[in-house]
Protein backbone atom coordinates (compact mmCIF):
# COMPACT_ATOMS: atom_id res chain seq x y z
CA UNK A 1 -0.47 -11.86 -7.67
CA UNK A 2 -3.07 -12.85 -5.03
CA UNK A 3 -1.86 -11.33 -1.75
CA UNK A 4 -2.99 -13.30 1.29
CA UNK A 5 -3.81 -10.16 3.31
CA UNK A 6 -2.81 -6.58 4.01
CA UNK A 7 0.35 -7.07 6.05
CA UNK A 8 0.56 -3.49 7.27
CA UNK A 9 0.00 0.18 6.57
CA UNK A 10 3.12 2.30 6.86
CA UNK A 11 2.67 5.77 8.34
CA UNK A 12 5.52 8.29 8.24
CA UNK A 13 5.86 10.29 11.48
CA UNK A 14 8.34 12.88 12.66
CA UNK A 15 8.65 11.27 16.08
CA UNK A 16 7.71 7.86 17.44
CA UNK A 17 7.77 9.38 20.91
CA UNK A 18 4.98 11.76 19.89
CA UNK A 19 3.03 9.37 17.66
CA UNK A 20 2.93 6.22 19.83
CA UNK A 21 0.78 7.84 22.58
CA UNK A 22 -1.94 8.66 20.03
CA UNK A 23 -2.26 5.02 19.01
CA UNK A 24 -2.09 3.80 22.61
CA UNK A 25 -4.08 6.44 24.51
CA UNK A 26 -6.65 7.47 21.90
CA UNK A 27 -7.11 4.30 19.83
CA UNK A 28 -6.37 1.88 22.66
CA UNK A 29 -3.79 -0.12 20.70
CA UNK A 30 -0.59 -1.53 22.16
CA UNK A 31 2.82 -0.91 20.65
CA UNK A 32 4.29 -4.41 20.66
CA UNK A 33 7.65 -3.73 18.99
CA UNK A 34 10.08 -0.94 18.21
CA UNK A 35 12.90 -1.74 15.79
CA UNK A 36 15.52 0.15 13.83
CA UNK A 37 16.13 -0.90 10.23
CA UNK A 38 19.48 0.78 9.58
CA UNK A 39 19.56 -0.15 5.89
CA UNK A 40 16.34 1.81 5.34
CA UNK A 41 17.34 4.67 7.67
CA UNK A 42 14.20 4.23 9.73
CA UNK A 43 12.99 3.34 13.20
CA UNK A 44 9.66 1.51 13.33
CA UNK A 45 6.92 0.92 15.88
CA UNK A 46 4.23 -1.73 15.37
CA UNK A 47 0.59 -2.05 16.44
CA UNK A 48 -1.72 -4.93 15.53
CA UNK A 49 -5.38 -4.70 14.56
CA UNK A 50 -6.71 -8.17 13.78
CA UNK A 51 -4.39 -9.68 11.18
CA UNK A 52 -3.22 -6.26 9.96
CA UNK A 53 -0.50 -4.11 11.46
CA UNK A 54 0.18 -0.39 11.58
CA UNK A 55 3.87 0.43 11.14
CA UNK A 56 4.96 3.89 12.25
CA UNK A 57 8.10 5.05 10.46
CA UNK A 58 10.46 7.62 11.96
CA UNK A 59 13.41 8.62 9.78
CA UNK A 60 16.87 8.27 11.31
CA UNK A 61 18.37 10.33 8.48
CA UNK A 62 16.76 13.30 6.71
CA UNK A 63 18.24 11.99 3.44
CA UNK A 64 16.60 8.57 3.87
CA UNK A 65 13.38 7.69 2.02
CA UNK A 66 11.08 8.46 4.95
CA UNK A 67 12.95 11.67 5.77
CA UNK A 68 12.53 12.84 2.17
CA UNK A 69 8.87 11.81 2.18
CA UNK A 70 8.14 13.85 5.33
CA UNK A 71 10.09 16.83 3.96
CA UNK A 72 8.04 16.90 0.75
CA UNK A 73 4.64 15.63 1.92
CA UNK A 74 4.58 15.82 5.69
CA UNK A 75 3.44 13.07 8.02
CA UNK A 76 0.89 10.56 6.78
CA UNK A 77 0.30 7.29 5.00
CA UNK A 78 3.58 6.26 3.38
CA UNK A 79 2.79 2.82 1.92
CA UNK A 80 0.56 -0.22 1.93
CA UNK A 81 2.13 -3.65 2.32
CA UNK A 82 0.63 -6.89 1.05
CA UNK A 83 1.64 -10.33 2.30
CA UNK A 84 2.54 -12.70 -0.53
CA UNK A 85 4.07 -16.11 -0.98
CA UNK A 86 7.00 -16.65 -3.39
CA UNK A 87 8.03 -12.99 -3.36
CA UNK A 88 10.70 -13.23 -6.08
CA UNK A 89 8.21 -14.90 -8.40
CA UNK A 90 5.69 -12.10 -7.72
CA UNK A 91 8.32 -9.46 -8.50
CA UNK A 92 9.28 -11.18 -11.74
CA UNK A 93 5.64 -11.39 -12.85
CA UNK A 94 4.99 -7.75 -11.97
CA UNK A 95 8.04 -6.70 -14.03
CA UNK A 96 6.86 -8.85 -16.95
CA UNK A 97 3.56 -6.93 -16.84
CA UNK A 98 5.40 -3.61 -17.06
CA UNK A 99 5.44 -2.59 -13.39
CA UNK A 100 8.57 -0.67 -12.41
CA UNK A 101 10.25 -2.28 -9.43
CA UNK A 102 12.10 -0.30 -6.78
CA UNK A 103 13.55 -3.61 -5.57
CA UNK A 104 14.27 -6.24 -8.22
CA UNK A 105 15.14 -8.75 -5.53
CA UNK A 106 13.81 -9.06 -1.97
CA UNK A 107 15.69 -7.51 0.93
CA UNK A 108 15.36 -7.78 4.69
CA UNK A 109 12.81 -5.57 6.38
CA UNK A 110 11.44 -5.10 9.86
CA UNK A 111 10.22 -8.12 11.82
CA UNK A 112 12.45 -10.42 9.76
CA UNK A 113 10.27 -10.19 6.66
CA UNK A 114 11.61 -10.25 3.12
CA UNK A 115 10.33 -7.13 1.38
CA UNK A 116 10.32 -5.38 -1.98
CA UNK A 117 8.71 -2.16 -3.19
CA UNK A 118 6.83 -1.40 -6.41
CA UNK A 119 7.14 2.12 -7.81
CA UNK A 120 4.08 4.30 -7.07
CA UNK A 121 3.95 5.60 -10.67
CA UNK A 122 2.88 2.08 -11.63
CA UNK A 123 0.58 1.39 -8.65
CA UNK A 124 -1.99 4.19 -8.91
CA UNK A 125 0.20 6.58 -6.91
CA UNK A 126 0.44 4.32 -3.85
CA UNK A 127 3.87 3.11 -2.77
CA UNK A 128 3.31 -0.66 -2.57
CA UNK A 129 5.37 -3.07 -0.53
CA UNK A 130 5.26 -6.84 -0.94
CA UNK A 131 6.21 -8.87 2.14
CA UNK A 132 7.03 -12.53 2.62
CA UNK A 133 7.60 -14.29 5.90
CA UNK A 134 10.60 -16.55 5.26
CA UNK A 135 9.53 -18.78 8.17
CA UNK A 136 6.26 -19.82 6.53
């Protein structure tokens, strides 16, 4: 598959308003974007560390994926996202190798990226997101 880099780490939080000050005031990072992704029932906040980003995820609906995650597991690391080229090809190859796909085709995610998730039962228990920048 050969990801080019870790695109971001997704962290589920109950409240962006509460979580953002930790990253800004304690870690000294700057929140450079807040965005709602209605399709995923989530509001996101982004911080950059080198080439990698931290994406905070606040659920906008308790029945959404992040809302359910927080209800069952509490706040914490939700997923790891790898940057790839030719996302559809990577999904097809993963499926051929027996990996269960949450998304069989890419969909739009935050920051205009095309994204797709691999099921954690097939990725050592870690929800894995593959991201492709359509402008590259």
